[in-house]
């Protein structure tokens, strides 16, 4: 799952947009349809939470596998191969 974090983020954003659409429909729906819309929204939110929890579990497993080497700057974890260290700018002097 962690091999494609950009895809996972894009999928979650798409699902957020679907939920936003349902919430918009909920505001103008007749009372009888509101219950069905709410059930659909809750079901989708629960599915998203399951996906997020699986991603967190995957990260925890990866961190446990790599141990503290992930925290050291001189040891690069293969899952972090696209990170770049950028120089920090000095703060502006106080007046």
PDB file of N, CA and C in Angstrom:
ATOM      1  N   UNK A   1       0.819  -1.191   0.000  1.00  0.00           N
ATOM      2  CA  UNK A   1       0.000   0.000   0.000  1.00  0.00           C
ATOM      3  C   UNK A   1       0.865   1.258   0.000  1.00  0.00           C
ATOM      4  N   UNK A   2       1.959   1.220   0.744  1.00  0.00           N
ATOM      5  CA  UNK A   2       2.786   2.411   0.833  1.00  0.00           C
ATOM      6  C   UNK A   2       3.636   2.618  -0.423  1.00  0.00           C
ATOM      7  N   UNK A   3       3.643   1.650  -1.344  1.00  0.00           N
ATOM      8  CA  UNK A   3       4.420   1.796  -2.557  1.00  0.00           C
ATOM      9  C   UNK A   3       3.837   2.883  -3.451  1.00  0.00           C
ATOM     10  N   UNK A   4       2.574   3.199  -3.292  1.00  0.00           N
ATOM     11  CA  UNK A   4       1.917   4.184  -4.139  1.00  0.00           C
ATOM     12  C   UNK A   4       1.185   5.222  -3.296  1.00  0.00           C
ATOM     13  N   UNK A   5       1.892   6.022  -2.497  1.00  0.00           N
ATOM     14  CA  UNK A   5       1.186   6.988  -1.650  1.00  0.00           C
ATOM     15  C   UNK A   5       0.448   8.056  -2.440  1.00  0.00           C
ATOM     16  N   UNK A   6       0.972   8.457  -3.599  1.00  0.00           N
ATOM     17  CA  UNK A   6       0.302   9.485  -4.392  1.00  0.00           C
ATOM     18  C   UNK A   6      -1.046   8.975  -4.893  1.00  0.00           C
ATOM     19  N   UNK A   7      -1.087   7.711  -5.302  1.00  0.00           N
ATOM     20  CA  UNK A   7      -2.354   7.122  -5.765  1.00  0.00           C
ATOM     21  C   UNK A   7      -3.354   7.034  -4.612  1.00  0.00           C
ATOM     22  N   UNK A   8      -2.866   6.638  -3.441  1.00  0.00           N
ATOM     23  CA  UNK A   8      -3.744   6.527  -2.283  1.00  0.00           C
ATOM     24  C   UNK A   8      -4.337   7.899  -1.921  1.00  0.00           C
ATOM     25  N   UNK A   9      -3.510   8.928  -1.954  1.00  0.00           N
ATOM     26  CA  UNK A   9      -3.979  10.278  -1.643  1.00  0.00           C
ATOM     27  C   UNK A   9      -4.992  10.738  -2.678  1.00  0.00           C
ATOM     28  N   UNK A  10      -4.715  10.479  -3.954  1.00  0.00           N
ATOM     29  CA  UNK A  10      -5.646  10.874  -5.012  1.00  0.00           C
ATOM     30  C   UNK A  10      -6.987  10.153  -4.854  1.00  0.00           C
ATOM     31  N   UNK A  11      -6.934   8.860  -4.531  1.00  0.00           N
ATOM     32  CA  UNK A  11      -8.173   8.101  -4.322  1.00  0.00           C
ATOM     33  C   UNK A  11      -8.978   8.663  -3.150  1.00  0.00           C
ATOM     34  N   UNK A  12      -8.299   8.992  -2.051  1.00  0.00           N
ATOM     35  CA  UNK A  12      -8.992   9.532  -0.888  1.00  0.00           C
ATOM     36  C   UNK A  12      -9.602  10.890  -1.194  1.00  0.00           C
ATOM     37  N   UNK A  13      -8.894  11.722  -1.982  1.00  0.00           N
ATOM     38  CA  UNK A  13      -9.447  13.030  -2.355  1.00  0.00           C
ATOM     39  C   UNK A  13     -10.686  12.865  -3.241  1.00  0.00           C
ATOM     40  N   UNK A  14     -10.654  11.891  -4.139  1.00  0.00           N
ATOM     41  CA  UNK A  14     -11.813  11.623  -4.993  1.00  0.00           C
ATOM     42  C   UNK A  14     -13.005  11.171  -4.146  1.00  0.00           C
ATOM     43  N   UNK A  15     -12.733  10.333  -3.159  1.00  0.00           N
ATOM     44  CA  UNK A  15     -13.802   9.868  -2.272  1.00  0.00           C
ATOM     45  C   UNK A  15     -14.335  11.018  -1.420  1.00  0.00           C
ATOM     46  N   UNK A  16     -13.454  11.930  -0.998  1.00  0.00           N
ATOM     47  CA  UNK A  16     -13.901  13.114  -0.260  1.00  0.00           C
ATOM     48  C   UNK A  16     -14.839  13.957  -1.118  1.00  0.00           C
ATOM     49  N   UNK A  17     -14.520  14.075  -2.408  1.00  0.00           N
ATOM     50  CA  UNK A  17     -15.370  14.848  -3.313  1.00  0.00           C
ATOM     51  C   UNK A  17     -16.744  14.190  -3.461  1.00  0.00           C
ATOM     52  N   UNK A  18     -16.768  12.858  -3.525  1.00  0.00           N
ATOM     53  CA  UNK A  18     -18.050  12.149  -3.609  1.00  0.00           C
ATOM     54  C   UNK A  18     -18.883  12.404  -2.353  1.00  0.00           C
ATOM     55  N   UNK A  19     -18.243  12.377  -1.206  1.00  0.00           N
ATOM     56  CA  UNK A  19     -18.956  12.616   0.055  1.00  0.00           C
ATOM     57  C   UNK A  19     -19.461  14.056   0.099  1.00  0.00           C
ATOM     58  N   UNK A  20     -18.666  14.993  -0.381  1.00  0.00           N
ATOM     59  CA  UNK A  20     -19.091  16.394  -0.412  1.00  0.00           C
ATOM     60  C   UNK A  20     -20.330  16.557  -1.289  1.00  0.00           C
ATOM     61  N   UNK A  21     -20.367  15.846  -2.404  1.00  0.00           N
ATOM     62  CA  UNK A  21     -21.538  15.890  -3.284  1.00  0.00           C
ATOM     63  C   UNK A  21     -22.768  15.344  -2.560  1.00  0.00           C
ATOM     64  N   UNK A  22     -22.592  14.237  -1.868  1.00  0.00           N
ATOM     65  CA  UNK A  22     -23.716  13.655  -1.120  1.00  0.00           C
ATOM     66  C   UNK A  22     -24.200  14.604  -0.027  1.00  0.00           C
ATOM     67  N   UNK A  23     -23.261  15.280   0.632  1.00  0.00           N
ATOM     68  CA  UNK A  23     -23.656  16.235   1.675  1.00  0.00           C
ATOM     69  C   UNK A  23     -24.447  17.400   1.089  1.00  0.00           C
ATOM     70  N   UNK A  24     -24.063  17.827  -0.100  1.00  0.00           N
ATOM     71  CA  UNK A  24     -24.811  18.895  -0.775  1.00  0.00           C
ATOM     72  C   UNK A  24     -26.228  18.431  -1.103  1.00  0.00           C
ATOM     73  N   UNK A  25     -26.334  17.198  -1.594  1.00  0.00           N
ATOM     74  CA  UNK A  25     -27.648  16.627  -1.906  1.00  0.00           C
ATOM     75  C   UNK A  25     -28.493  16.487  -0.645  1.00  0.00           C
ATOM     76  N   UNK A  26     -27.833  16.182   0.462  1.00  0.00           N
ATOM     77  CA  UNK A  26     -28.534  15.986   1.726  1.00  0.00           C
ATOM     78  C   UNK A  26     -29.287  17.236   2.144  1.00  0.00           C
ATOM     79  N   UNK A  27     -28.698  18.397   1.903  1.00  0.00           N
ATOM     80  CA  UNK A  27     -29.329  19.644   2.314  1.00  0.00           C
ATOM     81  C   UNK A  27     -30.660  19.902   1.642  1.00  0.00           C
ATOM     82  N   UNK A  28     -30.798  19.485   0.385  1.00  0.00           N
ATOM     83  CA  UNK A  28     -32.035  19.777  -0.346  1.00  0.00           C
ATOM     84  C   UNK A  28     -32.920  18.552  -0.548  1.00  0.00           C
ATOM     85  N   UNK A  29     -32.546  17.426   0.014  1.00  0.00           N
ATOM     86  CA  UNK A  29     -33.310  16.191  -0.182  1.00  0.00           C
ATOM     87  C   UNK A  29     -34.551  16.176   0.701  1.00  0.00           C
ATOM     88  N   UNK A  30     -35.605  15.535   0.206  1.00  0.00           N
ATOM     89  CA  UNK A  30     -36.786  15.346   1.057  1.00  0.00           C
ATOM     90  C   UNK A  30     -36.448  14.423   2.228  1.00  0.00           C
ATOM     91  N   UNK A  31     -37.219  14.516   3.271  1.00  0.00           N
ATOM     92  CA  UNK A  31     -36.936  13.779   4.512  1.00  0.00           C
ATOM     93  C   UNK A  31     -36.755  12.283   4.286  1.00  0.00           C
ATOM     94  N   UNK A  32     -37.520  11.693   3.425  1.00  0.00           N
ATOM     95  CA  UNK A  32     -37.441  10.246   3.209  1.00  0.00           C
ATOM     96  C   UNK A  32     -36.103   9.844   2.586  1.00  0.00           C
ATOM     97  N   UNK A  33     -35.531  10.720   1.763  1.00  0.00           N
ATOM     98  CA  UNK A  33     -34.251  10.415   1.121  1.00  0.00           C
ATOM     99  C   UNK A  33     -33.066  10.727   2.032  1.00  0.00           C
ATOM    100  N   UNK A  34     -33.262  11.591   3.005  1.00  0.00           N
ATOM    101  CA  UNK A  34     -32.163  11.985   3.892  1.00  0.00           C
ATOM    102  C   UNK A  34     -31.594  10.793   4.655  1.00  0.00           C
ATOM    103  N   UNK A  35     -32.440   9.901   5.079  1.00  0.00           N
ATOM    104  CA  UNK A  35     -31.975   8.729   5.824  1.00  0.00           C
ATOM    105  C   UNK A  35     -31.062   7.879   4.944  1.00  0.00           C
ATOM    106  N   UNK A  36     -31.468   7.662   3.694  1.00  0.00           N
ATOM    107  CA  UNK A  36     -30.647   6.872   2.776  1.00  0.00           C
ATOM    108  C   UNK A  36     -29.327   7.573   2.471  1.00  0.00           C
ATOM    109  N   UNK A  37     -29.364   8.882   2.269  1.00  0.00           N
ATOM    110  CA  UNK A  37     -28.141   9.634   2.011  1.00  0.00           C
ATOM    111  C   UNK A  37     -27.196   9.575   3.213  1.00  0.00           C
ATOM    112  N   UNK A  38     -27.750   9.742   4.402  1.00  0.00           N
ATOM    113  CA  UNK A  38     -26.917   9.663   5.608  1.00  0.00           C
ATOM    114  C   UNK A  38     -26.278   8.286   5.752  1.00  0.00           C
ATOM    115  N   UNK A  39     -27.047   7.248   5.472  1.00  0.00           N
ATOM    116  CA  UNK A  39     -26.501   5.889   5.547  1.00  0.00           C
ATOM    117  C   UNK A  39     -25.372   5.715   4.536  1.00  0.00           C
ATOM    118  N   UNK A  40     -25.538   6.246   3.339  1.00  0.00           N
ATOM    119  CA  UNK A  40     -24.503   6.158   2.306  1.00  0.00           C
ATOM    120  C   UNK A  40     -23.247   6.920   2.733  1.00  0.00           C
ATOM    121  N   UNK A  41     -23.427   8.110   3.291  1.00  0.00           N
ATOM    122  CA  UNK A  41     -22.288   8.922   3.746  1.00  0.00           C
ATOM    123  C   UNK A  41     -21.527   8.207   4.857  1.00  0.00           C
ATOM    124  N   UNK A  42     -22.232   7.693   5.831  1.00  0.00           N
ATOM    125  CA  UNK A  42     -21.580   6.997   6.954  1.00  0.00           C
ATOM    126  C   UNK A  42     -20.830   5.767   6.455  1.00  0.00           C
ATOM    127  N   UNK A  43     -21.421   5.029   5.532  1.00  0.00           N
ATOM    128  CA  UNK A  43     -20.766   3.842   4.972  1.00  0.00           C
ATOM    129  C   UNK A  43     -19.479   4.221   4.251  1.00  0.00           C
ATOM    130  N   UNK A  44     -19.529   5.288   3.468  1.00  0.00           N
ATOM    131  CA  UNK A  44     -18.332   5.733   2.739  1.00  0.00           C
ATOM    132  C   UNK A  44     -17.253   6.231   3.701  1.00  0.00           C
ATOM    133  N   UNK A  45     -17.650   6.959   4.737  1.00  0.00           N
ATOM    134  CA  UNK A  45     -16.674   7.446   5.708  1.00  0.00           C
ATOM    135  C   UNK A  45     -16.007   6.279   6.449  1.00  0.00           C
ATOM    136  N   UNK A  46     -16.795   5.265   6.776  1.00  0.00           N
ATOM    137  CA  UNK A  46     -16.234   4.091   7.444  1.00  0.00           C
ATOM    138  C   UNK A  46     -15.239   3.375   6.530  1.00  0.00           C
ATOM    139  N   UNK A  47     -15.546   3.288   5.247  1.00  0.00           N
ATOM    140  CA  UNK A  47     -14.631   2.652   4.296  1.00  0.00           C
ATOM    141  C   UNK A  47     -13.331   3.448   4.192  1.00  0.00           C
ATOM    142  N   UNK A  48     -13.438   4.772   4.156  1.00  0.00           N
ATOM    143  CA  UNK A  48     -12.241   5.609   4.115  1.00  0.00           C
ATOM    144  C   UNK A  48     -11.385   5.414   5.361  1.00  0.00           C
ATOM    145  N   UNK A  49     -12.030   5.337   6.499  1.00  0.00           N
ATOM    146  CA  UNK A  49     -11.291   5.150   7.749  1.00  0.00           C
ATOM    147  C   UNK A  49     -10.553   3.818   7.741  1.00  0.00           C
ATOM    148  N   UNK A  50     -11.168   2.792   7.189  1.00  0.00           N
ATOM    149  CA  UNK A  50     -10.528   1.489   7.084  1.00  0.00           C
ATOM    150  C   UNK A  50      -9.280   1.568   6.206  1.00  0.00           C
ATOM    151  N   UNK A  51      -9.380   2.296   5.091  1.00  0.00           N
ATOM    152  CA  UNK A  51      -8.233   2.474   4.195  1.00  0.00           C
ATOM    153  C   UNK A  51      -7.113   3.222   4.910  1.00  0.00           C
ATOM    154  N   UNK A  52      -7.460   4.291   5.619  1.00  0.00           N
ATOM    155  CA  UNK A  52      -6.452   5.067   6.343  1.00  0.00           C
ATOM    156  C   UNK A  52      -5.782   4.228   7.421  1.00  0.00           C
ATOM    157  N   UNK A  53      -6.554   3.442   8.145  1.00  0.00           N
ATOM    158  CA  UNK A  53      -5.982   2.583   9.189  1.00  0.00           C
ATOM    159  C   UNK A  53      -5.031   1.550   8.596  1.00  0.00           C
ATOM    160  N   UNK A  54      -5.383   1.015   7.442  1.00  0.00           N
ATOM    161  CA  UNK A  54      -4.496   0.051   6.781  1.00  0.00           C
ATOM    162  C   UNK A  54      -3.179   0.732   6.387  1.00  0.00           C
ATOM    163  N   UNK A  55      -3.254   1.968   5.929  1.00  0.00           N
ATOM    164  CA  UNK A  55      -2.043   2.707   5.576  1.00  0.00           C
ATOM    165  C   UNK A  55      -1.172   2.975   6.788  1.00  0.00           C
ATOM    166  N   UNK A  56      -1.797   3.318   7.893  1.00  0.00           N
ATOM    167  CA  UNK A  56      -1.053   3.564   9.138  1.00  0.00           C
ATOM    168  C   UNK A  56      -0.395   2.270   9.614  1.00  0.00           C
ATOM    169  N   UNK A  57      -1.127   1.166   9.551  1.00  0.00           N
ATOM    170  CA  UNK A  57      -0.555  -0.130   9.941  1.00  0.00           C
ATOM    171  C   UNK A  57       0.648  -0.477   9.066  1.00  0.00           C
ATOM    172  N   UNK A  58       0.522  -0.205   7.777  1.00  0.00           N
ATOM    173  CA  UNK A  58       1.618  -0.476   6.851  1.00  0.00           C
ATOM    174  C   UNK A  58       2.847   0.364   7.199  1.00  0.00           C
ATOM    175  N   UNK A  59       2.634   1.631   7.542  1.00  0.00           N
ATOM    176  CA  UNK A  59       3.747   2.495   7.936  1.00  0.00           C
ATOM    177  C   UNK A  59       4.402   1.993   9.215  1.00  0.00           C
ATOM    178  N   UNK A  60       3.587   1.580  10.177  1.00  0.00           N
ATOM    179  CA  UNK A  60       4.137   1.064  11.437  1.00  0.00           C
ATOM    180  C   UNK A  60       4.971  -0.187  11.191  1.00  0.00           C
ATOM    181  N   UNK A  61       4.499  -1.062  10.331  1.00  0.00           N
ATOM    182  CA  UNK A  61       5.252  -2.279  10.016  1.00  0.00           C
ATOM    183  C   UNK A  61       6.570  -1.934   9.331  1.00  0.00           C
ATOM    184  N   UNK A  62       6.533  -0.962   8.424  1.00  0.00           N
ATOM    185  CA  UNK A  62       7.750  -0.555   7.725  1.00  0.00           C
ATOM    186  C   UNK A  62       8.743   0.068   8.705  1.00  0.00           C
ATOM    187  N   UNK A  63       8.250   0.887   9.614  1.00  0.00           N
ATOM    188  CA  UNK A  63       9.128   1.516  10.593  1.00  0.00           C
ATOM    189  C   UNK A  63       9.732   0.470  11.534  1.00  0.00           C
ATOM    190  N   UNK A  64       8.938  -0.519  11.911  1.00  0.00           N
ATOM    191  CA  UNK A  64       9.455  -1.571  12.778  1.00  0.00           C
ATOM    192  C   UNK A  64      10.519  -2.395  12.050  1.00  0.00           C
ATOM    193  N   UNK A  65      10.317  -2.607  10.764  1.00  0.00           N
ATOM    194  CA  UNK A  65      11.268  -3.377   9.972  1.00  0.00           C
ATOM    195  C   UNK A  65      12.597  -2.634   9.838  1.00  0.00           C
ATOM    196  N   UNK A  66      12.527  -1.328   9.619  1.00  0.00           N
ATOM    197  CA  UNK A  66      13.732  -0.529   9.414  1.00  0.00           C
ATOM    198  C   UNK A  66      14.334  -0.050  10.731  1.00  0.00           C
ATOM    199  N   UNK A  67      13.584  -0.136  11.789  1.00  0.00           N
ATOM    200  CA  UNK A  67      14.085   0.279  13.097  1.00  0.00           C
ATOM    201  C   UNK A  67      14.417   1.758  13.148  1.00  0.00           C
ATOM    202  N   UNK A  68      15.404   2.102  13.916  1.00  0.00           N
ATOM    203  CA  UNK A  68      15.758   3.506  14.095  1.00  0.00           C
ATOM    204  C   UNK A  68      16.542   4.061  12.920  1.00  0.00           C
ATOM    205  N   UNK A  69      16.909   3.234  11.956  1.00  0.00           N
ATOM    206  CA  UNK A  69      17.672   3.737  10.811  1.00  0.00           C
ATOM    207  C   UNK A  69      16.887   4.774  10.027  1.00  0.00           C
ATOM    208  N   UNK A  70      15.555   4.743  10.122  1.00  0.00           N
ATOM    209  CA  UNK A  70      14.751   5.738   9.418  1.00  0.00           C
ATOM    210  C   UNK A  70      14.938   7.130  10.006  1.00  0.00           C
ATOM    211  N   UNK A  71      15.364   7.213  11.233  1.00  0.00           N
ATOM    212  CA  UNK A  71      15.514   8.498  11.894  1.00  0.00           C
ATOM    213  C   UNK A  71      16.879   9.124  11.638  1.00  0.00           C
ATOM    214  N   UNK A  72      17.827   8.343  11.158  1.00  0.00           N
ATOM    215  CA  UNK A  72      19.170   8.862  10.925  1.00  0.00           C
ATOM    216  C   UNK A  72      19.255   9.476   9.539  1.00  0.00           C
ATOM    217  N   UNK A  73      19.878  10.632   9.440  1.00  0.00           N
ATOM    218  CA  UNK A  73      20.007  11.311   8.157  1.00  0.00           C
ATOM    219  C   UNK A  73      21.014  10.622   7.236  1.00  0.00           C
ATOM    220  N   UNK A  74      22.004   9.936   7.791  1.00  0.00           N
ATOM    221  CA  UNK A  74      23.038   9.331   6.958  1.00  0.00           C
ATOM    222  C   UNK A  74      22.613   7.972   6.391  1.00  0.00           C
ATOM    223  N   UNK A  75      21.489   7.440   6.831  1.00  0.00           N
ATOM    224  CA  UNK A  75      20.982   6.172   6.322  1.00  0.00           C
ATOM    225  C   UNK A  75      19.670   6.448   5.614  1.00  0.00           C
ATOM    226  N   UNK A  76      19.635   6.160   4.332  1.00  0.00           N
ATOM    227  CA  UNK A  76      18.433   6.456   3.557  1.00  0.00           C
ATOM    228  C   UNK A  76      17.577   5.208   3.425  1.00  0.00           C
ATOM    229  N   UNK A  77      16.369   5.313   3.866  1.00  0.00           N
ATOM    230  CA  UNK A  77      15.413   4.230   3.725  1.00  0.00           C
ATOM    231  C   UNK A  77      14.966   4.185   2.262  1.00  0.00           C
ATOM    232  N   UNK A  78      14.837   3.001   1.648  1.00  0.00           N
ATOM    233  CA  UNK A  78      14.423   2.937   0.243  1.00  0.00           C
ATOM    234  C   UNK A  78      13.067   3.576  -0.010  1.00  0.00           C
ATOM    235  N   UNK A  79      12.221   3.609   0.985  1.00  0.00           N
ATOM    236  CA  UNK A  79      10.901   4.196   0.788  1.00  0.00           C
ATOM    237  C   UNK A  79      10.954   5.724   0.800  1.00  0.00           C
ATOM    238  N   UNK A  80      12.090   6.302   1.137  1.00  0.00           N
ATOM    239  CA  UNK A  80      12.226   7.751   1.211  1.00  0.00           C
ATOM    240  C   UNK A  80      13.238   8.242   0.174  1.00  0.00           C
ATOM    241  N   UNK A  81      13.321   7.567  -0.975  1.00  0.00           N
ATOM    242  CA  UNK A  81      14.353   7.875  -1.944  1.00  0.00           C
ATOM    243  C   UNK A  81      14.152   9.183  -2.688  1.00  0.00           C
ATOM    244  N   UNK A  82      12.991   9.786  -2.604  1.00  0.00           N
ATOM    245  CA  UNK A  82      12.760  11.027  -3.334  1.00  0.00           C
ATOM    246  C   UNK A  82      12.842  12.267  -2.440  1.00  0.00           C
ATOM    247  N   UNK A  83      13.317  12.127  -1.235  1.00  0.00           N
ATOM    248  CA  UNK A  83      13.415  13.271  -0.345  1.00  0.00           C
ATOM    249  C   UNK A  83      14.707  14.026  -0.609  1.00  0.00           C
ATOM    250  N   UNK A  84      14.623  15.320  -0.533  1.00  0.00           N
ATOM    251  CA  UNK A  84      15.792  16.164  -0.715  1.00  0.00           C
ATOM    252  C   UNK A  84      15.909  17.074   0.491  1.00  0.00           C
ATOM    253  N   UNK A  85      17.129  17.294   0.895  1.00  0.00           N
ATOM    254  CA  UNK A  85      17.350  18.213   2.004  1.00  0.00           C
ATOM    255  C   UNK A  85      17.520  19.607   1.418  1.00  0.00           C
ATOM    256  N   UNK A  86      16.695  20.538   1.853  1.00  0.00           N
ATOM    257  CA  UNK A  86      16.745  21.896   1.341  1.00  0.00           C
ATOM    258  C   UNK A  86      17.352  22.804   2.410  1.00  0.00           C
ATOM    259  N   UNK A  87      18.240  23.710   2.001  1.00  0.00           N
ATOM    260  CA  UNK A  87      18.838  24.594   2.982  1.00  0.00           C
ATOM    261  C   UNK A  87      17.782  25.548   3.566  1.00  0.00           C
ATOM    262  N   UNK A  88      17.925  25.822   4.839  1.00  0.00           N
ATOM    263  CA  UNK A  88      16.996  26.738   5.505  1.00  0.00           C
ATOM    264  C   UNK A  88      17.506  28.159   5.371  1.00  0.00           C
ATOM    265  N   UNK A  89      16.582  29.102   5.225  1.00  0.00           N
ATOM    266  CA  UNK A  89      16.942  30.504   5.170  1.00  0.00           C
ATOM    267  C   UNK A  89      17.055  31.047   6.577  1.00  0.00           C
ATOM    268  N   UNK A  90      17.962  31.953   6.767  1.00  0.00           N
ATOM    269  CA  UNK A  90      18.118  32.590   8.070  1.00  0.00           C
ATOM    270  C   UNK A  90      16.914  33.501   8.305  1.00  0.00           C
ATOM    271  N   UNK A  91      16.428  33.572   9.546  1.00  0.00           N
ATOM    272  CA  UNK A  91      15.286  34.442   9.813  1.00  0.00           C
ATOM    273  C   UNK A  91      15.693  35.910   9.648  1.00  0.00           C
ATOM    274  N   UNK A  92      14.714  36.714   9.303  1.00  0.00           N
ATOM    275  CA  UNK A  92      14.969  38.146   9.130  1.00  0.00           C
ATOM    276  C   UNK A  92      15.311  38.753  10.491  1.00  0.00           C
ATOM    277  N   UNK A  93      16.227  39.707  10.522  1.00  0.00           N
ATOM    278  CA  UNK A  93      16.587  40.330  11.799  1.00  0.00           C
ATOM    279  C   UNK A  93      15.418  41.130  12.378  1.00  0.00           C
ATOM    280  N   UNK A  94      15.332  41.150  13.682  1.00  0.00           N
ATOM    281  CA  UNK A  94      14.274  41.894  14.352  1.00  0.00           C
ATOM    282  C   UNK A  94      14.595  43.386  14.296  1.00  0.00           C
ATOM    283  N   UNK A  95      13.577  44.190  14.192  1.00  0.00           N
ATOM    284  CA  UNK A  95      13.771  45.643  14.135  1.00  0.00           C
ATOM    285  C   UNK A  95      13.512  46.275  15.453  1.00  0.00           C
TER     286      UNK A  95
END
